[in-house]
Amino acid sequence: MHHGKHFRRLNRTSAHRNALLRNLVSSLIEHGRIETTIAKAKELKPIADQMVTLGKKGDVNARKQALSYLNSRDITMPKLFDELAPRFANRQGGYTRIQRVGNRYGDNAPMAVIEYIDGPSDLKRELTTKTLANIFAKNGQEQVSVKDLANNTDLPKSLVRNLKKLQFANSIEAMDEAVSKEMASRSSSSA
């Protein structure tokens, strides 16, 4: 029977598809964030999460499995085992995030950014801090704590939801600091 065997074939042969996914996961580990089509990102997400799980195991067998799958091993292996594994040591899963970014100019293909969460350049965190800085600047008010904003009913529901998600991953002080930096950069550029 053929039940439960569906996956995206991405209009490629199996060897080409496997090579594509190996290249994508290697680039994701190397750079922390890549932009690709939504279909490729959805196929890449479980493989990228599996690589972090191998990195968290850290034993010889896990290193052999990662070594056999990844490209540019001298760059990706240290990043996987020395940077990503300690960063996600307390997290049980869900190491990647797919964020839609619009359509590609040439063929109108839906594009997405896939990234490891809680990184130094977290896309959701950047977008949320910019949105908060815009709201504060537009209303002409001083910055309030992110903790107080999460309970605010005047903000859009999507922004409150993103704030609550980011509170678990990042400390509240770090979020407050990021928003204040963004507001300071806006006030210095407008002056």
N, C-alpha and C. Protein backbone atom coordinates (compact mmCIF):
# COMPACT_ATOMS: atom_id res chain seq x y z
N MET A 1 0.84 -1.19 0.00
CA MET A 1 0.00 0.00 0.00
C MET A 1 0.88 1.24 0.00
N HIS A 2 0.32 2.32 -0.49
CA HIS A 2 1.09 3.54 -0.69
C HIS A 2 0.72 4.63 0.33
N HIS A 3 0.08 4.28 1.41
CA HIS A 3 -0.39 5.29 2.36
C HIS A 3 0.78 5.92 3.10
N GLY A 4 0.67 7.23 3.35
CA GLY A 4 1.64 7.93 4.17
C GLY A 4 2.99 8.13 3.52
N LYS A 5 3.08 8.02 2.22
CA LYS A 5 4.36 8.15 1.55
C LYS A 5 4.43 9.41 0.70
N HIS A 6 3.58 10.38 0.96
CA HIS A 6 3.57 11.58 0.14
C HIS A 6 4.64 12.57 0.60
N PHE A 7 5.34 13.13 -0.34
CA PHE A 7 6.26 14.23 -0.09
C PHE A 7 6.32 15.06 -1.36
N ARG A 8 6.85 16.26 -1.25
CA ARG A 8 6.94 17.14 -2.40
C ARG A 8 8.09 16.67 -3.29
N ARG A 9 7.78 16.43 -4.54
CA ARG A 9 8.82 15.94 -5.45
C ARG A 9 9.61 17.09 -6.08
N LEU A 10 9.09 18.30 -6.00
CA LEU A 10 9.77 19.51 -6.45
C LEU A 10 10.21 19.45 -7.92
N ASN A 11 9.51 18.63 -8.71
CA ASN A 11 9.76 18.50 -10.15
C ASN A 11 11.20 18.10 -10.45
N ARG A 12 11.74 17.20 -9.62
CA ARG A 12 13.12 16.74 -9.78
C ARG A 12 13.17 15.22 -9.61
N THR A 13 14.22 14.62 -10.13
CA THR A 13 14.44 13.21 -9.87
C THR A 13 14.87 13.05 -8.42
N SER A 14 14.89 11.83 -7.93
CA SER A 14 15.21 11.61 -6.51
C SER A 14 16.63 12.03 -6.18
N ALA A 15 17.58 11.75 -7.06
CA ALA A 15 18.97 12.13 -6.81
C ALA A 15 19.13 13.65 -6.79
N HIS A 16 18.47 14.32 -7.74
CA HIS A 16 18.53 15.78 -7.81
C HIS A 16 17.86 16.40 -6.58
N ARG A 17 16.73 15.84 -6.18
CA ARG A 17 16.01 16.35 -5.01
C ARG A 17 16.84 16.17 -3.73
N ASN A 18 17.48 15.01 -3.56
CA ASN A 18 18.31 14.78 -2.39
C ASN A 18 19.51 15.73 -2.37
N ALA A 19 20.12 15.96 -3.53
CA ALA A 19 21.25 16.89 -3.60
C ALA A 19 20.79 18.31 -3.26
N LEU A 20 19.62 18.68 -3.76
CA LEU A 20 19.08 20.02 -3.46
C LEU A 20 18.85 20.19 -1.97
N LEU A 21 18.24 19.20 -1.33
CA LEU A 21 17.96 19.32 0.10
C LEU A 21 19.24 19.31 0.93
N ARG A 22 20.24 18.54 0.51
CA ARG A 22 21.53 18.55 1.22
C ARG A 22 22.19 19.92 1.11
N ASN A 23 22.14 20.52 -0.09
CA ASN A 23 22.71 21.85 -0.26
C ASN A 23 21.95 22.89 0.56
N LEU A 24 20.63 22.79 0.58
CA LEU A 24 19.84 23.76 1.33
C LEU A 24 20.10 23.67 2.83
N VAL A 25 20.13 22.45 3.38
CA VAL A 25 20.35 22.31 4.82
C VAL A 25 21.77 22.72 5.18
N SER A 26 22.74 22.48 4.31
CA SER A 26 24.11 22.91 4.58
C SER A 26 24.19 24.44 4.57
N SER A 27 23.51 25.08 3.62
CA SER A 27 23.50 26.54 3.57
C SER A 27 22.78 27.13 4.77
N LEU A 28 21.71 26.48 5.20
CA LEU A 28 20.97 26.96 6.36
C LEU A 28 21.82 26.89 7.62
N ILE A 29 22.54 25.82 7.80
CA ILE A 29 23.41 25.70 8.98
C ILE A 29 24.54 26.72 8.89
N GLU A 30 25.07 26.92 7.70
CA GLU A 30 26.20 27.84 7.54
C GLU A 30 25.79 29.29 7.78
N HIS A 31 24.65 29.70 7.23
CA HIS A 31 24.26 31.11 7.27
C HIS A 31 23.21 31.43 8.33
N GLY A 32 22.48 30.43 8.81
CA GLY A 32 21.45 30.67 9.81
C GLY A 32 20.11 31.06 9.23
N ARG A 33 20.10 31.54 8.01
CA ARG A 33 18.85 31.98 7.36
C ARG A 33 19.07 31.93 5.86
N ILE A 34 18.09 31.37 5.12
CA ILE A 34 18.15 31.37 3.66
C ILE A 34 16.78 31.72 3.12
N GLU A 35 16.76 32.22 1.90
CA GLU A 35 15.51 32.54 1.22
C GLU A 35 15.32 31.54 0.09
N THR A 36 14.16 30.92 0.04
CA THR A 36 13.86 29.92 -0.97
C THR A 36 12.35 29.91 -1.19
N THR A 37 11.88 29.01 -2.04
CA THR A 37 10.43 28.93 -2.25
C THR A 37 9.77 28.25 -1.05
N ILE A 38 8.49 28.45 -0.91
CA ILE A 38 7.76 27.90 0.23
C ILE A 38 7.78 26.37 0.21
N ALA A 39 7.62 25.78 -0.97
CA ALA A 39 7.61 24.31 -1.06
C ALA A 39 8.95 23.72 -0.63
N LYS A 40 10.04 24.34 -1.08
CA LYS A 40 11.36 23.86 -0.67
C LYS A 40 11.57 24.05 0.83
N ALA A 41 11.11 25.18 1.35
CA ALA A 41 11.28 25.45 2.79
C ALA A 41 10.51 24.44 3.63
N LYS A 42 9.32 24.08 3.18
CA LYS A 42 8.52 23.10 3.93
C LYS A 42 9.16 21.72 3.90
N GLU A 43 9.81 21.37 2.79
CA GLU A 43 10.51 20.09 2.73
C GLU A 43 11.80 20.13 3.55
N LEU A 44 12.40 21.30 3.65
CA LEU A 44 13.67 21.44 4.34
C LEU A 44 13.51 21.45 5.86
N LYS A 45 12.38 21.91 6.35
CA LYS A 45 12.18 22.10 7.80
C LYS A 45 12.42 20.83 8.62
N PRO A 46 11.84 19.67 8.29
CA PRO A 46 12.11 18.49 9.11
C PRO A 46 13.56 18.02 9.05
N ILE A 47 14.20 18.20 7.91
CA ILE A 47 15.60 17.79 7.79
C ILE A 47 16.49 18.69 8.64
N ALA A 48 16.22 20.00 8.62
CA ALA A 48 17.01 20.93 9.42
C ALA A 48 16.81 20.67 10.91
N ASP A 49 15.58 20.35 11.31
CA ASP A 49 15.33 20.02 12.71
C ASP A 49 16.04 18.72 13.10
N GLN A 50 16.08 17.76 12.19
CA GLN A 50 16.75 16.50 12.46
C GLN A 50 18.26 16.70 12.62
N MET A 51 18.83 17.63 11.85
CA MET A 51 20.26 17.91 11.99
C MET A 51 20.57 18.50 13.37
N VAL A 52 19.69 19.36 13.87
CA VAL A 52 19.91 19.93 15.21
C VAL A 52 19.79 18.84 16.26
N THR A 53 18.87 17.92 16.07
CA THR A 53 18.74 16.80 17.00
C THR A 53 20.02 15.96 17.01
N LEU A 54 20.60 15.74 15.84
CA LEU A 54 21.89 15.03 15.78
C LEU A 54 22.97 15.83 16.51
N GLY A 55 22.95 17.14 16.33
CA GLY A 55 23.92 17.98 17.01
C GLY A 55 23.77 17.95 18.51
N LYS A 56 22.53 17.85 18.98
CA LYS A 56 22.29 17.78 20.43
C LYS A 56 22.72 16.44 21.00
N LYS A 57 22.62 15.37 20.21
CA LYS A 57 23.11 14.06 20.69
C LYS A 57 24.62 14.12 20.88
N GLY A 58 25.31 14.58 19.86
CA GLY A 58 26.74 14.85 19.96
C GLY A 58 27.65 13.65 20.06
N ASP A 59 27.13 12.42 19.99
CA ASP A 59 28.01 11.26 20.10
C ASP A 59 28.66 10.96 18.75
N VAL A 60 29.46 9.94 18.70
CA VAL A 60 30.22 9.61 17.49
C VAL A 60 29.29 9.23 16.35
N ASN A 61 28.26 8.46 16.66
CA ASN A 61 27.33 8.03 15.61
C ASN A 61 26.58 9.22 15.03
N ALA A 62 26.18 10.17 15.87
CA ALA A 62 25.49 11.36 15.38
C ALA A 62 26.42 12.19 14.49
N ARG A 63 27.69 12.28 14.87
CA ARG A 63 28.66 13.02 14.05
C ARG A 63 28.86 12.34 12.69
N LYS A 64 28.88 11.01 12.67
CA LYS A 64 29.03 10.29 11.41
C LYS A 64 27.82 10.52 10.51
N GLN A 65 26.61 10.49 11.09
CA GLN A 65 25.41 10.71 10.29
C GLN A 65 25.38 12.13 9.72
N ALA A 66 25.72 13.11 10.54
CA ALA A 66 25.75 14.49 10.06
C ALA A 66 26.83 14.68 9.01
N LEU A 67 27.97 14.05 9.22
CA LEU A 67 29.08 14.16 8.28
C LEU A 67 28.72 13.57 6.93
N SER A 68 27.94 12.50 6.92
CA SER A 68 27.55 11.87 5.66
C SER A 68 26.50 12.68 4.91
N TYR A 69 25.78 13.58 5.59
CA TYR A 69 24.70 14.31 4.93
C TYR A 69 25.11 15.73 4.53
N LEU A 70 25.92 16.39 5.34
CA LEU A 70 26.20 17.80 5.12
C LEU A 70 27.30 18.02 4.10
N ASN A 71 27.23 19.16 3.42
CA ASN A 71 28.30 19.62 2.53
C ASN A 71 29.12 20.67 3.28
N SER A 72 30.25 21.08 2.72
CA SER A 72 31.20 22.02 3.35
C SER A 72 31.38 21.68 4.81
N ARG A 73 31.86 20.49 5.04
CA ARG A 73 31.92 19.93 6.39
C ARG A 73 32.79 20.72 7.35
N ASP A 74 33.84 21.36 6.84
CA ASP A 74 34.72 22.11 7.73
C ASP A 74 34.03 23.35 8.30
N ILE A 75 32.96 23.81 7.66
CA ILE A 75 32.20 24.97 8.16
C ILE A 75 30.95 24.51 8.91
N THR A 76 30.21 23.57 8.34
CA THR A 76 28.91 23.21 8.91
C THR A 76 29.01 22.35 10.16
N MET A 77 29.98 21.46 10.23
CA MET A 77 30.07 20.58 11.41
C MET A 77 30.34 21.36 12.70
N PRO A 78 31.32 22.29 12.72
CA PRO A 78 31.51 23.05 13.95
C PRO A 78 30.30 23.92 14.31
N LYS A 79 29.65 24.50 13.29
CA LYS A 79 28.47 25.32 13.58
C LYS A 79 27.35 24.48 14.17
N LEU A 80 27.17 23.28 13.63
CA LEU A 80 26.09 22.42 14.11
C LEU A 80 26.35 21.95 15.53
N PHE A 81 27.54 21.43 15.78
CA PHE A 81 27.81 20.81 17.07
C PHE A 81 28.27 21.80 18.14
N ASP A 82 28.88 22.92 17.75
CA ASP A 82 29.42 23.85 18.74
C ASP A 82 28.55 25.09 18.95
N GLU A 83 27.74 25.47 17.96
CA GLU A 83 26.91 26.67 18.10
C GLU A 83 25.42 26.34 18.24
N LEU A 84 24.89 25.55 17.29
CA LEU A 84 23.45 25.30 17.29
C LEU A 84 23.02 24.36 18.41
N ALA A 85 23.78 23.31 18.66
CA ALA A 85 23.40 22.34 19.70
C ALA A 85 23.32 22.98 21.08
N PRO A 86 24.30 23.78 21.53
CA PRO A 86 24.14 24.43 22.84
C PRO A 86 23.01 25.45 22.87
N ARG A 87 22.76 26.13 21.73
CA ARG A 87 21.70 27.14 21.69
C ARG A 87 20.32 26.51 21.90
N PHE A 88 20.14 25.29 21.42
CA PHE A 88 18.84 24.63 21.52
C PHE A 88 18.84 23.51 22.55
N ALA A 89 19.75 23.55 23.51
CA ALA A 89 19.87 22.47 24.48
C ALA A 89 18.60 22.30 25.31
N ASN A 90 17.90 23.38 25.63
CA ASN A 90 16.71 23.31 26.47
C ASN A 90 15.42 23.25 25.67
N ARG A 91 15.50 23.25 24.36
CA ARG A 91 14.31 23.24 23.51
C ARG A 91 14.06 21.83 23.02
N GLN A 92 12.80 21.40 23.01
CA GLN A 92 12.45 20.03 22.66
C GLN A 92 12.22 19.83 21.16
N GLY A 93 12.06 20.87 20.42
CA GLY A 93 11.80 20.74 18.99
C GLY A 93 11.40 22.08 18.42
N GLY A 94 11.11 22.12 17.14
CA GLY A 94 10.70 23.37 16.51
C GLY A 94 11.83 24.36 16.46
N TYR A 95 12.94 23.98 15.84
CA TYR A 95 14.12 24.82 15.82
C TYR A 95 14.12 25.82 14.68
N THR A 96 13.25 25.62 13.69
CA THR A 96 13.23 26.49 12.52
C THR A 96 11.90 27.21 12.41
N ARG A 97 11.93 28.32 11.67
CA ARG A 97 10.73 29.11 11.42
C ARG A 97 10.69 29.45 9.94
N ILE A 98 9.52 29.34 9.34
CA ILE A 98 9.32 29.73 7.94
C ILE A 98 8.50 31.01 7.94
N GLN A 99 9.04 32.05 7.33
CA GLN A 99 8.37 33.35 7.26
C GLN A 99 8.17 33.70 5.79
N ARG A 100 6.93 33.88 5.37
CA ARG A 100 6.65 34.21 3.97
C ARG A 100 7.08 35.64 3.68
N VAL A 101 7.67 35.85 2.50
CA VAL A 101 8.19 37.18 2.17
C VAL A 101 7.66 37.71 0.83
N GLY A 102 6.66 37.11 0.26
CA GLY A 102 6.11 37.62 -0.99
C GLY A 102 6.42 36.70 -2.15
N ASN A 103 6.32 37.24 -3.35
CA ASN A 103 6.53 36.45 -4.56
C ASN A 103 7.79 36.89 -5.28
N ARG A 104 8.41 35.94 -5.98
CA ARG A 104 9.62 36.22 -6.74
C ARG A 104 9.26 37.03 -7.98
N TYR A 105 10.14 37.92 -8.37
CA TYR A 105 9.86 38.82 -9.48
C TYR A 105 9.73 38.08 -10.80
N GLY A 106 10.60 37.16 -11.11
CA GLY A 106 10.63 36.55 -12.44
C GLY A 106 9.45 35.66 -12.74
N ASP A 107 9.12 34.74 -11.83
CA ASP A 107 8.08 33.76 -12.13
C ASP A 107 6.93 33.79 -11.13
N ASN A 108 6.92 34.77 -10.23
CA ASN A 108 5.84 34.95 -9.26
C ASN A 108 5.70 33.76 -8.32
N ALA A 109 6.81 33.05 -8.07
CA ALA A 109 6.78 31.93 -7.15
C ALA A 109 6.72 32.45 -5.72
N PRO A 110 5.89 31.84 -4.86
CA PRO A 110 5.82 32.30 -3.47
C PRO A 110 7.13 31.99 -2.73
N MET A 111 7.71 33.02 -2.14
CA MET A 111 9.01 32.90 -1.49
C MET A 111 8.86 32.94 0.02
N ALA A 112 9.87 32.37 0.71
CA ALA A 112 9.87 32.34 2.16
C ALA A 112 11.31 32.40 2.66
N VAL A 113 11.46 32.87 3.90
CA VAL A 113 12.75 32.82 4.58
C VAL A 113 12.63 31.74 5.63
N ILE A 114 13.57 30.80 5.62
CA ILE A 114 13.61 29.78 6.68
C ILE A 114 14.86 30.07 7.49
N GLU A 115 14.70 30.06 8.81
CA GLU A 115 15.80 30.42 9.69
C GLU A 115 15.72 29.63 10.97
N TYR A 116 16.88 29.51 11.64
CA TYR A 116 16.89 28.95 12.99
C TYR A 116 16.46 30.05 13.94
N ILE A 117 15.53 29.72 14.85
CA ILE A 117 14.98 30.72 15.74
C ILE A 117 15.97 31.06 16.85
N ASP A 118 15.69 32.14 17.55
CA ASP A 118 16.48 32.63 18.68
C ASP A 118 17.90 32.98 18.29
N GLY A 119 18.14 33.28 17.04
CA GLY A 119 19.48 33.63 16.60
C GLY A 119 19.74 35.12 16.76
N PRO A 120 20.94 35.54 16.43
CA PRO A 120 21.26 36.96 16.56
C PRO A 120 20.49 37.84 15.58
N SER A 121 20.08 37.30 14.46
CA SER A 121 19.31 38.07 13.48
C SER A 121 17.96 37.39 13.24
N ASP A 122 17.17 37.26 14.28
CA ASP A 122 15.86 36.62 14.20
C ASP A 122 14.90 37.55 13.47
N LEU A 123 14.35 37.09 12.34
CA LEU A 123 13.51 37.93 11.49
C LEU A 123 12.25 38.38 12.20
N LYS A 124 11.59 37.49 12.92
CA LYS A 124 10.35 37.84 13.62
C LYS A 124 10.63 38.89 14.69
N ARG A 125 11.76 38.76 15.37
CA ARG A 125 12.12 39.73 16.40
C ARG A 125 12.38 41.10 15.78
N GLU A 126 13.10 41.12 14.65
CA GLU A 126 13.37 42.39 13.97
C GLU A 126 12.09 43.06 13.51
N LEU A 127 11.18 42.30 12.90
CA LEU A 127 9.94 42.87 12.41
C LEU A 127 9.07 43.39 13.56
N THR A 128 9.03 42.65 14.67
CA THR A 128 8.22 43.07 15.81
C THR A 128 8.78 44.33 16.45
N THR A 129 10.10 44.42 16.59
CA THR A 129 10.68 45.62 17.18
C THR A 129 10.46 46.85 16.29
N LYS A 130 10.55 46.68 14.98
CA LYS A 130 10.30 47.80 14.07
C LYS A 130 8.84 48.24 14.14
N THR A 131 7.93 47.27 14.23
CA THR A 131 6.51 47.61 14.32
C THR A 131 6.22 48.36 15.62
N LEU A 132 6.79 47.90 16.73
CA LEU A 132 6.59 48.59 18.00
C LEU A 132 7.18 49.99 17.97
N ALA A 133 8.36 50.15 17.38
CA ALA A 133 8.96 51.47 17.28
C ALA A 133 8.09 52.40 16.43
N ASN A 134 7.50 51.87 15.36
CA ASN A 134 6.59 52.66 14.53
C ASN A 134 5.37 53.12 15.33
N ILE A 135 4.80 52.20 16.12
CA ILE A 135 3.61 52.53 16.89
C ILE A 135 3.94 53.60 17.93
N PHE A 136 5.08 53.45 18.61
CA PHE A 136 5.47 54.44 19.62
C PHE A 136 5.74 55.80 18.97
N ALA A 137 6.42 55.80 17.83
CA ALA A 137 6.74 57.06 17.16
C ALA A 137 5.48 57.73 16.61
N LYS A 138 4.56 56.93 16.10
CA LYS A 138 3.33 57.49 15.53
C LYS A 138 2.46 58.11 16.62
N ASN A 139 2.38 57.45 17.77
CA ASN A 139 1.56 57.97 18.86
C ASN A 139 2.29 59.03 19.68
N GLY A 140 3.59 59.19 19.46
CA GLY A 140 4.36 60.18 20.18
C GLY A 140 4.51 59.87 21.66
N GLN A 141 4.51 58.62 22.00
CA GLN A 141 4.61 58.24 23.41
C GLN A 141 5.96 57.60 23.69
N GLU A 142 6.31 57.57 24.96
CA GLU A 142 7.53 56.92 25.39
C GLU A 142 7.34 55.41 25.36
N GLN A 143 8.45 54.71 25.34
CA GLN A 143 8.40 53.25 25.30
C GLN A 143 7.94 52.71 26.65
N VAL A 144 7.06 51.71 26.60
CA VAL A 144 6.66 51.00 27.80
C VAL A 144 7.23 49.59 27.72
N SER A 145 7.16 48.86 28.80
CA SER A 145 7.74 47.52 28.84
C SER A 145 6.99 46.56 27.91
N VAL A 146 7.72 45.62 27.36
CA VAL A 146 7.13 44.61 26.48
C VAL A 146 6.14 43.76 27.26
N LYS A 147 6.42 43.54 28.53
CA LYS A 147 5.52 42.74 29.37
C LYS A 147 4.15 43.40 29.49
N ASP A 148 4.16 44.75 29.61
CA ASP A 148 2.89 45.48 29.69
C ASP A 148 2.16 45.46 28.35
N LEU A 149 2.91 45.47 27.26
CA LEU A 149 2.29 45.48 25.93
C LEU A 149 1.59 44.17 25.60
N ALA A 150 2.07 43.07 26.12
CA ALA A 150 1.48 41.77 25.81
C ALA A 150 0.04 41.69 26.30
N ASN A 151 -0.30 42.45 27.33
CA ASN A 151 -1.67 42.46 27.86
C ASN A 151 -2.50 43.60 27.29
N ASN A 152 -1.93 44.41 26.40
CA ASN A 152 -2.61 45.56 25.83
C ASN A 152 -3.61 45.10 24.78
N THR A 153 -4.82 45.65 24.84
CA THR A 153 -5.85 45.27 23.87
C THR A 153 -5.92 46.23 22.70
N ASP A 154 -5.19 47.35 22.75
CA ASP A 154 -5.24 48.32 21.66
C ASP A 154 -4.38 47.91 20.47
N LEU A 155 -3.42 47.04 20.70
CA LEU A 155 -2.51 46.61 19.63
C LEU A 155 -3.18 45.55 18.75
N PRO A 156 -2.73 45.41 17.52
CA PRO A 156 -3.27 44.34 16.66
C PRO A 156 -3.01 42.96 17.27
N LYS A 157 -3.93 42.04 17.04
CA LYS A 157 -3.83 40.70 17.63
C LYS A 157 -2.57 39.97 17.16
N SER A 158 -2.20 40.16 15.90
CA SER A 158 -1.01 39.48 15.39
C SER A 158 0.25 39.97 16.09
N LEU A 159 0.31 41.27 16.40
CA LEU A 159 1.48 41.80 17.11
C LEU A 159 1.55 41.29 18.54
N VAL A 160 0.40 41.21 19.22
CA VAL A 160 0.38 40.68 20.58
C VAL A 160 0.78 39.21 20.58
N ARG A 161 0.32 38.45 19.57
CA ARG A 161 0.67 37.04 19.47
C ARG A 161 2.18 36.88 19.25
N ASN A 162 2.75 37.71 18.37
CA ASN A 162 4.20 37.65 18.14
C ASN A 162 4.97 38.03 19.40
N LEU A 163 4.48 39.00 20.15
CA LEU A 163 5.15 39.40 21.39
C LEU A 163 5.16 38.26 22.40
N LYS A 164 4.05 37.56 22.50
CA LYS A 164 3.99 36.45 23.45
C LYS A 164 4.92 35.32 23.03
N LYS A 165 5.02 35.06 21.72
CA LYS A 165 5.94 34.03 21.24
C LYS A 165 7.38 34.42 21.52
N LEU A 166 7.70 35.68 21.29
CA LEU A 166 9.07 36.14 21.47
C LEU A 166 9.46 36.22 22.94
N GLN A 167 8.50 36.38 23.83
CA GLN A 167 8.82 36.45 25.26
C GLN A 167 9.39 35.13 25.76
N PHE A 168 8.91 34.02 25.21
CA PHE A 168 9.41 32.72 25.64
C PHE A 168 10.85 32.51 25.15
N ALA A 169 11.14 32.96 23.94
CA ALA A 169 12.45 32.73 23.36
C ALA A 169 13.49 33.74 23.84
N ASN A 170 13.10 34.98 24.00
CA ASN A 170 14.03 36.04 24.36
C ASN A 170 13.66 36.60 25.72
N SER A 171 14.61 37.16 26.39
CA SER A 171 14.30 37.80 27.67
C SER A 171 13.57 39.12 27.40
N ILE A 172 12.77 39.52 28.34
CA ILE A 172 11.99 40.75 28.19
C ILE A 172 12.92 41.95 28.13
N GLU A 173 14.00 41.92 28.91
CA GLU A 173 14.94 43.03 28.91
C GLU A 173 15.59 43.20 27.54
N ALA A 174 15.91 42.07 26.89
CA ALA A 174 16.51 42.14 25.56
C ALA A 174 15.52 42.73 24.55
N MET A 175 14.26 42.37 24.66
CA MET A 175 13.25 42.94 23.76
C MET A 175 13.09 44.43 24.01
N ASP A 176 13.04 44.84 25.29
CA ASP A 176 12.93 46.27 25.61
C ASP A 176 14.12 47.03 25.05
N GLU A 177 15.30 46.46 25.19
CA GLU A 177 16.51 47.10 24.70
C GLU A 177 16.49 47.24 23.18
N ALA A 178 16.02 46.20 22.48
CA ALA A 178 15.95 46.24 21.02
C ALA A 178 14.98 47.31 20.55
N VAL A 179 13.83 47.43 21.22
CA VAL A 179 12.85 48.44 20.83
C VAL A 179 13.41 49.83 21.09
N SER A 180 14.08 50.04 22.23
CA SER A 180 14.64 51.36 22.53
C SER A 180 15.75 51.72 21.53
N LYS A 181 16.56 50.75 21.10
CA LYS A 181 17.58 51.02 20.09
C LYS A 181 16.94 51.44 18.78
N GLU A 182 15.89 50.74 18.39
CA GLU A 182 15.20 51.07 17.14
C GLU A 182 14.59 52.47 17.21
N MET A 183 14.00 52.81 18.36
CA MET A 183 13.42 54.15 18.51
C MET A 183 14.52 55.22 18.49
N ALA A 184 15.66 54.93 19.10
CA ALA A 184 16.76 55.89 19.11
C ALA A 184 17.32 56.09 17.69
N SER A 185 17.40 55.01 16.93
CA SER A 185 17.91 55.15 15.57
C SER A 185 16.93 55.93 14.70
N ARG A 186 15.64 55.77 14.96
CA ARG A 186 14.63 56.53 14.20
C ARG A 186 14.68 58.02 14.54
N SER A 187 14.84 58.31 15.85
CA SER A 187 14.86 59.72 16.25
C SER A 187 16.14 60.41 15.78
N SER A 188 17.26 59.69 15.74
CA SER A 188 18.51 60.29 15.29
C SER A 188 18.50 60.48 13.77
N SER A 189 17.85 59.60 13.04
CA SER A 189 17.82 59.74 11.59
C SER A 189 16.83 60.83 11.15
N SER A 190 15.78 61.06 11.95
CA SER A 190 14.81 62.08 11.58
C SER A 190 15.28 63.47 11.99
N ALA A 191 16.21 63.55 12.93
CA ALA A 191 16.68 64.87 13.39
C ALA A 191 17.74 65.43 12.48
